[in-house]
């Protein structure tokens, strides 16, 4: 295999824990994209449209499919299993460094506080390190996002340091990592 990761397949069966299911984005997930667009923080750091329209929402979903088909990684909808409704996104995107992937996620405002992000990370991280041949997972976190830090730390991620003026060349970010040995 060398140092390049192959195109990742979608997990089959989808990853789930009875509360959260990580699955391929679907056309029926437009309401999730629309809700994400209402939180100014989500569009500012992602490709979620800041001004939602059905066309923009559909384009967003197609971009998520393209991450897998283009070999960039995977973008999965975080579904609340009880309602079969998408409440967020978790993505695994390859870094330029060999065998390294970044993990990113967001949850729509009305679904926060129910540990959906932590559950999604807890499902995706071991899969990436054990099944997808990733050797290092990284996550960048705004220093004010305490909930995200708790989610990562609860899944075994280690805070490695502060990247000064890193995000968009002006915002600090903590960098977290998870290695296969951290799962043992």
N, C-alpha and C. Protein backbone atom coordinates (compact mmCIF):
# COMPACT_ATOMS: atom_id res chain seq x y z
N UNK A 1 0.82 -1.19 0.00
CA UNK A 1 0.00 0.00 0.00
C UNK A 1 0.86 1.25 0.00
N UNK A 2 2.07 1.22 0.51
CA UNK A 2 2.90 2.41 0.56
C UNK A 2 2.37 3.38 1.60
N UNK A 3 2.67 4.67 1.37
CA UNK A 3 2.25 5.70 2.33
C UNK A 3 0.95 6.38 1.94
N UNK A 4 0.39 6.05 0.80
CA UNK A 4 -0.85 6.69 0.37
C UNK A 4 -2.04 5.84 0.81
N UNK A 5 -3.03 6.52 1.33
CA UNK A 5 -4.24 5.82 1.71
C UNK A 5 -5.12 5.63 0.49
N UNK A 6 -5.72 4.45 0.35
CA UNK A 6 -6.63 4.24 -0.77
C UNK A 6 -7.93 5.00 -0.54
N UNK A 7 -8.73 5.14 -1.58
CA UNK A 7 -10.05 5.75 -1.42
C UNK A 7 -10.81 4.96 -0.36
N UNK A 8 -11.34 5.66 0.62
CA UNK A 8 -12.05 4.99 1.70
C UNK A 8 -13.45 4.59 1.27
N UNK A 9 -13.85 3.38 1.59
CA UNK A 9 -15.25 3.01 1.37
C UNK A 9 -16.10 3.56 2.51
N UNK A 10 -17.37 3.74 2.26
CA UNK A 10 -18.27 4.06 3.37
C UNK A 10 -18.33 2.85 4.29
N UNK A 11 -18.33 3.06 5.59
CA UNK A 11 -18.44 1.90 6.50
C UNK A 11 -19.70 1.10 6.19
N UNK A 12 -19.53 -0.22 6.09
CA UNK A 12 -20.65 -1.10 5.77
C UNK A 12 -20.61 -2.30 6.71
N UNK A 13 -21.55 -2.38 7.64
CA UNK A 13 -22.71 -1.52 7.80
C UNK A 13 -22.30 -0.15 8.36
N UNK A 14 -23.22 0.84 8.27
CA UNK A 14 -22.92 2.15 8.84
C UNK A 14 -22.57 2.01 10.33
N UNK A 15 -21.73 2.92 10.81
CA UNK A 15 -21.31 2.89 12.21
C UNK A 15 -22.43 3.45 13.09
N UNK A 16 -22.78 2.72 14.14
CA UNK A 16 -23.84 3.18 15.02
C UNK A 16 -23.68 2.62 16.41
N UNK A 17 -24.32 3.28 17.37
CA UNK A 17 -24.27 2.83 18.76
C UNK A 17 -25.66 2.75 19.40
N UNK A 18 -26.71 2.80 18.60
CA UNK A 18 -28.07 2.78 19.12
C UNK A 18 -28.65 4.17 19.33
N UNK A 19 -27.80 5.17 19.42
CA UNK A 19 -28.25 6.56 19.57
C UNK A 19 -27.87 7.36 18.32
N UNK A 20 -26.65 7.13 17.83
CA UNK A 20 -26.11 7.84 16.68
C UNK A 20 -25.78 6.84 15.58
N UNK A 21 -26.05 7.23 14.35
CA UNK A 21 -25.67 6.44 13.19
C UNK A 21 -24.88 7.35 12.26
N UNK A 22 -23.71 6.89 11.80
CA UNK A 22 -22.91 7.64 10.84
C UNK A 22 -23.14 7.03 9.48
N UNK A 23 -23.66 7.82 8.56
CA UNK A 23 -24.05 7.29 7.26
C UNK A 23 -23.77 8.31 6.17
N UNK A 24 -23.87 7.85 4.93
CA UNK A 24 -23.69 8.70 3.75
C UNK A 24 -24.78 9.78 3.76
N UNK A 25 -24.41 10.98 3.35
CA UNK A 25 -25.39 12.06 3.22
C UNK A 25 -26.44 11.68 2.18
N UNK A 26 -27.67 12.12 2.42
CA UNK A 26 -28.78 11.83 1.52
C UNK A 26 -29.52 13.12 1.20
N UNK A 27 -30.28 13.11 0.12
CA UNK A 27 -31.06 14.28 -0.27
C UNK A 27 -32.03 14.73 0.82
N UNK A 28 -32.51 13.79 1.63
CA UNK A 28 -33.46 14.13 2.69
C UNK A 28 -32.82 14.91 3.83
N UNK A 29 -31.51 15.15 3.77
CA UNK A 29 -30.79 15.83 4.85
C UNK A 29 -30.72 17.35 4.68
N UNK A 30 -31.50 17.89 3.73
CA UNK A 30 -31.47 19.34 3.50
C UNK A 30 -31.84 20.14 4.75
N UNK A 31 -32.76 19.63 5.56
CA UNK A 31 -33.15 20.37 6.77
C UNK A 31 -31.97 20.53 7.73
N UNK A 32 -31.10 19.55 7.78
CA UNK A 32 -29.89 19.64 8.62
C UNK A 32 -28.96 20.73 8.09
N UNK A 33 -28.78 20.76 6.79
CA UNK A 33 -27.91 21.78 6.18
C UNK A 33 -28.51 23.17 6.43
N UNK A 34 -29.82 23.29 6.29
CA UNK A 34 -30.48 24.57 6.53
C UNK A 34 -30.30 25.02 7.98
N UNK A 35 -30.45 24.09 8.93
CA UNK A 35 -30.26 24.43 10.34
C UNK A 35 -28.81 24.82 10.62
N UNK A 36 -27.86 24.15 9.97
CA UNK A 36 -26.45 24.49 10.17
C UNK A 36 -26.15 25.89 9.66
N UNK A 37 -26.82 26.29 8.59
CA UNK A 37 -26.60 27.63 8.02
C UNK A 37 -27.05 28.74 8.97
N UNK A 38 -27.91 28.42 9.94
CA UNK A 38 -28.39 29.45 10.87
C UNK A 38 -27.37 29.78 11.96
N UNK A 39 -26.35 28.94 12.12
CA UNK A 39 -25.32 29.18 13.13
C UNK A 39 -24.12 29.81 12.44
N UNK A 40 -23.80 31.06 12.70
CA UNK A 40 -22.72 31.71 11.95
C UNK A 40 -21.37 31.01 12.07
N UNK A 41 -21.15 30.26 13.13
CA UNK A 41 -19.86 29.58 13.29
C UNK A 41 -19.69 28.43 12.31
N UNK A 42 -20.75 27.72 11.99
CA UNK A 42 -20.62 26.57 11.10
C UNK A 42 -20.24 27.01 9.68
N UNK A 43 -20.98 27.90 9.03
CA UNK A 43 -20.57 28.32 7.68
C UNK A 43 -19.20 29.01 7.63
N UNK A 44 -18.80 29.67 8.70
CA UNK A 44 -17.53 30.39 8.65
C UNK A 44 -16.32 29.44 8.60
N UNK A 45 -16.48 28.21 9.08
CA UNK A 45 -15.36 27.28 9.08
C UNK A 45 -15.56 26.04 8.23
N UNK A 46 -16.64 26.02 7.43
CA UNK A 46 -16.96 24.85 6.63
C UNK A 46 -17.47 25.28 5.26
N UNK A 47 -17.95 24.32 4.49
CA UNK A 47 -18.55 24.66 3.20
C UNK A 47 -20.07 24.73 3.27
N UNK A 48 -20.63 24.76 4.49
CA UNK A 48 -22.07 24.95 4.65
C UNK A 48 -22.41 26.35 4.12
N UNK A 49 -23.44 26.48 3.29
CA UNK A 49 -23.77 27.80 2.75
C UNK A 49 -24.25 28.75 3.85
N UNK A 50 -23.73 29.96 3.85
CA UNK A 50 -24.15 30.96 4.85
C UNK A 50 -25.58 31.43 4.56
N UNK A 51 -25.94 31.46 3.29
CA UNK A 51 -27.30 31.82 2.88
C UNK A 51 -27.92 30.57 2.28
N UNK A 52 -28.78 29.90 3.03
CA UNK A 52 -29.33 28.63 2.58
C UNK A 52 -30.37 28.83 1.48
N UNK A 53 -30.29 27.97 0.50
CA UNK A 53 -31.35 27.77 -0.49
C UNK A 53 -31.33 26.27 -0.78
N UNK A 54 -32.39 25.78 -1.38
CA UNK A 54 -32.41 24.35 -1.70
C UNK A 54 -31.27 23.99 -2.64
N UNK A 55 -30.98 24.85 -3.60
CA UNK A 55 -29.89 24.59 -4.54
C UNK A 55 -28.54 24.56 -3.82
N UNK A 56 -28.31 25.52 -2.91
CA UNK A 56 -27.05 25.56 -2.16
C UNK A 56 -26.93 24.35 -1.23
N UNK A 57 -28.04 23.96 -0.60
CA UNK A 57 -28.03 22.80 0.27
C UNK A 57 -27.73 21.52 -0.49
N UNK A 58 -28.33 21.39 -1.66
CA UNK A 58 -28.08 20.22 -2.51
C UNK A 58 -26.63 20.19 -2.96
N UNK A 59 -26.08 21.35 -3.31
CA UNK A 59 -24.67 21.43 -3.72
C UNK A 59 -23.76 21.02 -2.56
N UNK A 60 -24.11 21.42 -1.33
CA UNK A 60 -23.34 21.02 -0.16
C UNK A 60 -23.32 19.49 -0.03
N UNK A 61 -24.48 18.86 -0.13
CA UNK A 61 -24.56 17.40 -0.01
C UNK A 61 -23.75 16.73 -1.10
N UNK A 62 -23.80 17.23 -2.31
CA UNK A 62 -23.01 16.66 -3.40
C UNK A 62 -21.51 16.81 -3.14
N UNK A 63 -21.10 17.93 -2.52
CA UNK A 63 -19.68 18.09 -2.16
C UNK A 63 -19.26 17.03 -1.15
N UNK A 64 -20.17 16.66 -0.25
CA UNK A 64 -19.84 15.64 0.75
C UNK A 64 -19.64 14.29 0.07
N UNK A 65 -20.46 13.97 -0.92
CA UNK A 65 -20.28 12.73 -1.68
C UNK A 65 -18.95 12.77 -2.42
N UNK A 66 -18.59 13.94 -2.94
CA UNK A 66 -17.36 14.09 -3.70
C UNK A 66 -16.11 13.85 -2.88
N UNK A 67 -16.17 14.07 -1.59
CA UNK A 67 -14.99 13.82 -0.75
C UNK A 67 -14.57 12.35 -0.84
N UNK A 68 -15.53 11.45 -0.88
CA UNK A 68 -15.23 10.03 -1.01
C UNK A 68 -14.85 9.69 -2.44
N UNK A 69 -15.64 10.13 -3.40
CA UNK A 69 -15.36 9.75 -4.79
C UNK A 69 -14.07 10.35 -5.32
N UNK A 70 -13.66 11.51 -4.80
CA UNK A 70 -12.40 12.15 -5.21
C UNK A 70 -11.20 11.67 -4.40
N UNK A 71 -11.42 10.80 -3.41
CA UNK A 71 -10.32 10.27 -2.61
C UNK A 71 -9.81 11.21 -1.54
N UNK A 72 -10.60 12.24 -1.19
CA UNK A 72 -10.19 13.19 -0.15
C UNK A 72 -10.38 12.63 1.25
N UNK A 73 -11.28 11.69 1.40
CA UNK A 73 -11.64 11.14 2.71
C UNK A 73 -13.10 10.76 2.71
N UNK A 74 -13.76 10.99 3.83
CA UNK A 74 -15.20 10.69 3.97
C UNK A 74 -15.89 11.80 4.72
N UNK A 75 -17.09 12.10 4.32
CA UNK A 75 -17.96 13.00 5.07
C UNK A 75 -19.24 12.24 5.33
N UNK A 76 -19.60 12.14 6.59
CA UNK A 76 -20.77 11.35 6.98
C UNK A 76 -21.77 12.21 7.74
N UNK A 77 -23.04 11.93 7.53
CA UNK A 77 -24.08 12.57 8.31
C UNK A 77 -24.12 11.91 9.68
N UNK A 78 -24.31 12.71 10.71
CA UNK A 78 -24.56 12.19 12.06
C UNK A 78 -26.07 12.15 12.20
N UNK A 79 -26.61 10.95 12.29
CA UNK A 79 -28.06 10.78 12.37
C UNK A 79 -28.46 10.41 13.80
N UNK A 80 -29.50 11.05 14.29
CA UNK A 80 -30.11 10.63 15.55
C UNK A 80 -30.98 9.42 15.20
N UNK A 81 -30.58 8.25 15.69
CA UNK A 81 -31.28 7.02 15.28
C UNK A 81 -32.75 7.01 15.65
N UNK A 82 -33.12 7.59 16.79
CA UNK A 82 -34.51 7.54 17.24
C UNK A 82 -35.44 8.25 16.27
N UNK A 83 -34.95 9.28 15.58
CA UNK A 83 -35.80 10.04 14.66
C UNK A 83 -35.40 9.87 13.19
N UNK A 84 -34.31 9.14 12.93
CA UNK A 84 -33.78 8.98 11.57
C UNK A 84 -33.53 10.33 10.90
N UNK A 85 -33.08 11.30 11.70
CA UNK A 85 -32.86 12.66 11.23
C UNK A 85 -31.40 13.04 11.38
N UNK A 86 -30.82 13.63 10.34
CA UNK A 86 -29.44 14.12 10.42
C UNK A 86 -29.39 15.33 11.34
N UNK A 87 -28.40 15.32 12.25
CA UNK A 87 -28.22 16.42 13.21
C UNK A 87 -26.83 17.03 13.13
N UNK A 88 -26.00 16.51 12.23
CA UNK A 88 -24.65 17.05 12.12
C UNK A 88 -23.83 16.32 11.09
N UNK A 89 -22.55 16.64 11.10
CA UNK A 89 -21.59 16.09 10.15
C UNK A 89 -20.34 15.68 10.89
N UNK A 90 -19.72 14.61 10.44
CA UNK A 90 -18.37 14.25 10.86
C UNK A 90 -17.60 13.88 9.60
N UNK A 91 -16.40 14.42 9.50
CA UNK A 91 -15.59 14.19 8.30
C UNK A 91 -14.22 13.68 8.68
N UNK A 92 -13.71 12.83 7.83
CA UNK A 92 -12.36 12.28 7.94
C UNK A 92 -11.67 12.67 6.64
N UNK A 93 -10.75 13.62 6.71
CA UNK A 93 -10.10 14.15 5.51
C UNK A 93 -8.60 13.94 5.58
N UNK A 94 -8.04 13.45 4.48
CA UNK A 94 -6.61 13.17 4.45
C UNK A 94 -5.80 14.45 4.51
N UNK A 95 -4.70 14.40 5.24
CA UNK A 95 -3.74 15.50 5.32
C UNK A 95 -2.66 15.23 4.27
N UNK A 96 -1.83 16.24 3.97
CA UNK A 96 -0.73 16.00 3.01
C UNK A 96 0.28 14.97 3.53
N UNK A 97 0.42 14.85 4.85
CA UNK A 97 1.35 13.89 5.41
C UNK A 97 0.82 12.48 5.19
N UNK A 98 1.69 11.53 4.90
CA UNK A 98 1.25 10.15 4.67
C UNK A 98 0.54 9.55 5.89
N UNK A 99 -0.55 8.85 5.64
CA UNK A 99 -1.29 8.07 6.64
C UNK A 99 -1.87 8.92 7.77
N UNK A 100 -2.04 10.22 7.54
CA UNK A 100 -2.60 11.13 8.54
C UNK A 100 -3.93 11.67 8.01
N UNK A 101 -4.92 11.72 8.89
CA UNK A 101 -6.22 12.27 8.52
C UNK A 101 -6.69 13.21 9.61
N UNK A 102 -7.41 14.21 9.20
CA UNK A 102 -8.03 15.14 10.14
C UNK A 102 -9.48 14.76 10.34
N UNK A 103 -9.96 14.96 11.55
CA UNK A 103 -11.36 14.72 11.84
C UNK A 103 -11.99 16.07 12.22
N UNK A 104 -13.14 16.32 11.64
CA UNK A 104 -13.88 17.54 11.95
C UNK A 104 -15.35 17.20 12.07
N UNK A 105 -16.08 18.02 12.78
CA UNK A 105 -17.49 17.73 13.02
C UNK A 105 -18.22 18.99 13.43
N UNK A 106 -19.51 18.96 13.24
CA UNK A 106 -20.40 19.99 13.76
C UNK A 106 -21.76 19.37 14.02
N UNK A 107 -22.50 20.00 14.92
CA UNK A 107 -23.86 19.56 15.27
C UNK A 107 -24.74 20.80 15.20
N UNK A 108 -25.92 20.65 14.63
CA UNK A 108 -26.83 21.80 14.50
C UNK A 108 -27.22 22.31 15.89
N UNK A 109 -27.49 23.61 16.00
CA UNK A 109 -27.75 24.21 17.32
C UNK A 109 -28.79 23.50 18.16
N UNK A 110 -29.91 23.11 17.56
CA UNK A 110 -30.99 22.50 18.37
C UNK A 110 -30.68 21.09 18.86
N UNK A 111 -29.60 20.49 18.37
CA UNK A 111 -29.24 19.13 18.79
C UNK A 111 -28.03 19.11 19.74
N UNK A 112 -27.51 20.26 20.06
CA UNK A 112 -26.32 20.30 20.92
C UNK A 112 -26.67 19.94 22.36
N UNK A 113 -25.64 19.53 23.09
CA UNK A 113 -25.81 19.19 24.49
C UNK A 113 -26.28 17.76 24.72
N UNK A 114 -26.34 16.96 23.67
CA UNK A 114 -26.80 15.57 23.80
C UNK A 114 -25.72 14.56 23.42
N UNK A 115 -24.48 15.04 23.34
CA UNK A 115 -23.30 14.20 23.12
C UNK A 115 -23.25 13.55 21.73
N UNK A 116 -23.95 14.12 20.76
CA UNK A 116 -23.91 13.55 19.42
C UNK A 116 -22.51 13.60 18.82
N UNK A 117 -21.81 14.72 19.00
CA UNK A 117 -20.45 14.83 18.45
C UNK A 117 -19.52 13.83 19.13
N UNK A 118 -19.57 13.73 20.44
CA UNK A 118 -18.70 12.79 21.16
C UNK A 118 -18.98 11.36 20.71
N UNK A 119 -20.23 11.01 20.54
CA UNK A 119 -20.58 9.66 20.08
C UNK A 119 -20.07 9.42 18.66
N UNK A 120 -20.19 10.44 17.81
CA UNK A 120 -19.73 10.30 16.42
C UNK A 120 -18.21 10.09 16.38
N UNK A 121 -17.48 10.87 17.17
CA UNK A 121 -16.01 10.72 17.22
C UNK A 121 -15.67 9.34 17.76
N UNK A 122 -16.37 8.90 18.80
CA UNK A 122 -16.10 7.59 19.40
C UNK A 122 -16.36 6.44 18.41
N UNK A 123 -17.24 6.64 17.46
CA UNK A 123 -17.50 5.62 16.44
C UNK A 123 -16.49 5.69 15.29
N UNK A 124 -16.22 6.90 14.81
CA UNK A 124 -15.38 7.04 13.62
C UNK A 124 -13.89 6.84 13.91
N UNK A 125 -13.40 7.33 15.03
CA UNK A 125 -11.95 7.28 15.30
C UNK A 125 -11.41 5.84 15.31
N UNK A 126 -11.99 4.92 16.05
CA UNK A 126 -11.46 3.55 16.03
C UNK A 126 -11.57 2.91 14.65
N UNK A 127 -12.66 3.18 13.94
CA UNK A 127 -12.81 2.64 12.59
C UNK A 127 -11.68 3.15 11.70
N UNK A 128 -11.39 4.44 11.77
CA UNK A 128 -10.34 5.02 10.93
C UNK A 128 -8.98 4.42 11.25
N UNK A 129 -8.69 4.23 12.51
CA UNK A 129 -7.37 3.73 12.92
C UNK A 129 -7.23 2.22 12.74
N UNK A 130 -8.33 1.48 12.83
CA UNK A 130 -8.24 0.02 12.73
C UNK A 130 -8.61 -0.51 11.35
N UNK A 131 -9.61 0.10 10.72
CA UNK A 131 -10.11 -0.44 9.45
C UNK A 131 -9.62 0.33 8.23
N UNK A 132 -9.30 1.60 8.40
CA UNK A 132 -8.97 2.44 7.24
C UNK A 132 -7.48 2.74 7.12
N UNK A 133 -6.65 2.09 7.93
CA UNK A 133 -5.19 2.20 7.84
C UNK A 133 -4.63 3.59 8.14
N UNK A 134 -5.42 4.45 8.77
CA UNK A 134 -4.91 5.74 9.21
C UNK A 134 -3.98 5.49 10.40
N UNK A 135 -2.86 6.15 10.45
CA UNK A 135 -1.89 5.98 11.54
C UNK A 135 -1.91 7.13 12.54
N UNK A 136 -2.55 8.24 12.16
CA UNK A 136 -2.65 9.39 13.06
C UNK A 136 -3.90 10.17 12.68
N UNK A 137 -4.72 10.45 13.69
CA UNK A 137 -5.88 11.32 13.51
C UNK A 137 -5.58 12.65 14.19
N UNK A 138 -5.93 13.73 13.54
CA UNK A 138 -5.74 15.05 14.12
C UNK A 138 -7.07 15.79 14.14
N UNK A 139 -7.23 16.66 15.13
CA UNK A 139 -8.40 17.53 15.21
C UNK A 139 -7.93 18.90 15.67
N UNK A 140 -8.45 19.92 15.04
CA UNK A 140 -8.16 21.30 15.41
C UNK A 140 -9.38 21.87 16.12
N UNK A 141 -9.15 22.57 17.23
CA UNK A 141 -10.26 23.08 18.04
C UNK A 141 -10.01 24.53 18.42
N UNK A 142 -11.02 25.36 18.22
CA UNK A 142 -10.98 26.73 18.69
C UNK A 142 -10.82 26.69 20.23
N UNK A 143 -9.89 27.44 20.79
CA UNK A 143 -9.67 27.40 22.25
C UNK A 143 -10.90 27.73 23.10
N UNK A 144 -11.90 28.36 22.50
CA UNK A 144 -13.13 28.68 23.26
C UNK A 144 -14.17 27.57 23.17
N UNK A 145 -13.93 26.55 22.37
CA UNK A 145 -14.92 25.49 22.17
C UNK A 145 -14.68 24.35 23.18
N UNK A 146 -15.12 24.59 24.40
CA UNK A 146 -14.90 23.61 25.48
C UNK A 146 -15.63 22.30 25.21
N UNK A 147 -16.81 22.35 24.63
CA UNK A 147 -17.56 21.12 24.36
C UNK A 147 -16.80 20.22 23.39
N UNK A 148 -16.18 20.82 22.38
CA UNK A 148 -15.41 20.03 21.43
C UNK A 148 -14.18 19.42 22.09
N UNK A 149 -13.53 20.18 22.95
CA UNK A 149 -12.36 19.63 23.67
C UNK A 149 -12.78 18.45 24.54
N UNK A 150 -13.90 18.58 25.23
CA UNK A 150 -14.39 17.47 26.08
C UNK A 150 -14.71 16.25 25.23
N UNK A 151 -15.33 16.46 24.07
CA UNK A 151 -15.67 15.34 23.19
C UNK A 151 -14.42 14.59 22.77
N UNK A 152 -13.40 15.31 22.34
CA UNK A 152 -12.16 14.67 21.90
C UNK A 152 -11.45 13.97 23.04
N UNK A 153 -11.31 14.66 24.15
CA UNK A 153 -10.61 14.08 25.30
C UNK A 153 -11.33 12.84 25.82
N UNK A 154 -12.66 12.85 25.76
CA UNK A 154 -13.43 11.69 26.19
C UNK A 154 -13.23 10.48 25.29
N UNK A 155 -12.76 10.72 24.08
CA UNK A 155 -12.49 9.64 23.12
C UNK A 155 -11.02 9.27 23.07
N UNK A 156 -10.22 9.84 23.97
CA UNK A 156 -8.81 9.46 24.05
C UNK A 156 -7.85 10.35 23.29
N UNK A 157 -8.33 11.39 22.62
CA UNK A 157 -7.44 12.31 21.93
C UNK A 157 -6.57 13.05 22.95
N UNK A 158 -5.34 13.30 22.56
CA UNK A 158 -4.38 14.02 23.40
C UNK A 158 -4.17 15.43 22.86
N UNK A 159 -4.23 16.42 23.75
CA UNK A 159 -3.93 17.79 23.34
C UNK A 159 -2.42 17.91 23.21
N UNK A 160 -1.97 18.33 22.03
CA UNK A 160 -0.53 18.42 21.77
C UNK A 160 0.00 19.84 21.88
N UNK A 161 -0.84 20.82 21.68
CA UNK A 161 -0.35 22.19 21.78
C UNK A 161 -1.26 23.19 21.12
N UNK A 162 -0.80 24.43 21.14
CA UNK A 162 -1.54 25.54 20.57
C UNK A 162 -0.87 25.98 19.28
N UNK A 163 -1.65 26.05 18.22
CA UNK A 163 -1.16 26.58 16.95
C UNK A 163 -1.60 28.04 16.88
N UNK A 164 -0.64 28.93 17.03
CA UNK A 164 -0.97 30.35 17.08
C UNK A 164 -1.26 30.90 15.69
N UNK A 165 -2.30 31.74 15.61
CA UNK A 165 -2.72 32.37 14.36
C UNK A 165 -2.79 31.37 13.21
N UNK A 166 -3.36 30.22 13.46
CA UNK A 166 -3.36 29.12 12.50
C UNK A 166 -4.59 29.11 11.59
N UNK A 167 -5.77 29.24 12.19
CA UNK A 167 -7.01 29.18 11.40
C UNK A 167 -7.21 30.50 10.67
N UNK A 168 -7.28 30.41 9.36
CA UNK A 168 -7.43 31.59 8.49
C UNK A 168 -6.33 32.61 8.74
N UNK A 169 -5.19 32.16 9.26
CA UNK A 169 -4.05 33.03 9.47
C UNK A 169 -4.19 34.01 10.60
N UNK A 170 -5.26 33.87 11.42
CA UNK A 170 -5.43 34.83 12.50
C UNK A 170 -6.02 34.26 13.78
N UNK A 171 -6.56 33.06 13.73
CA UNK A 171 -7.18 32.48 14.93
C UNK A 171 -6.36 31.31 15.44
N UNK A 172 -6.20 31.26 16.77
CA UNK A 172 -5.48 30.15 17.39
C UNK A 172 -6.33 28.88 17.33
N UNK A 173 -5.64 27.74 17.44
CA UNK A 173 -6.32 26.45 17.49
C UNK A 173 -5.48 25.48 18.32
N UNK A 174 -6.15 24.70 19.14
CA UNK A 174 -5.48 23.59 19.80
C UNK A 174 -5.44 22.44 18.81
N UNK A 175 -4.33 21.69 18.82
CA UNK A 175 -4.26 20.50 18.00
C UNK A 175 -4.32 19.28 18.92
N UNK A 176 -5.18 18.36 18.57
CA UNK A 176 -5.36 17.09 19.28
C UNK A 176 -4.97 15.96 18.33
N UNK A 177 -4.54 14.84 18.90
CA UNK A 177 -4.22 13.69 18.06
C UNK A 177 -4.67 12.41 18.75
N UNK A 178 -4.86 11.39 17.94
CA UNK A 178 -5.16 10.05 18.41
C UNK A 178 -4.38 9.08 17.54
N UNK A 179 -3.67 8.17 18.18
CA UNK A 179 -2.85 7.16 17.51
C UNK A 179 -3.45 5.79 17.78
N UNK A 180 -3.12 4.79 16.94
CA UNK A 180 -3.63 3.44 17.22
C UNK A 180 -3.28 2.96 18.63
N UNK A 181 -2.10 3.29 19.12
CA UNK A 181 -1.70 2.85 20.46
C UNK A 181 -2.57 3.48 21.56
N UNK A 182 -3.21 4.60 21.27
CA UNK A 182 -4.08 5.23 22.26
C UNK A 182 -5.38 4.45 22.47
N UNK A 183 -5.70 3.57 21.53
CA UNK A 183 -6.94 2.78 21.64
C UNK A 183 -6.78 1.57 22.55
N UNK A 184 -5.53 1.20 22.83
CA UNK A 184 -5.28 0.00 23.64
C UNK A 184 -5.51 0.26 25.12
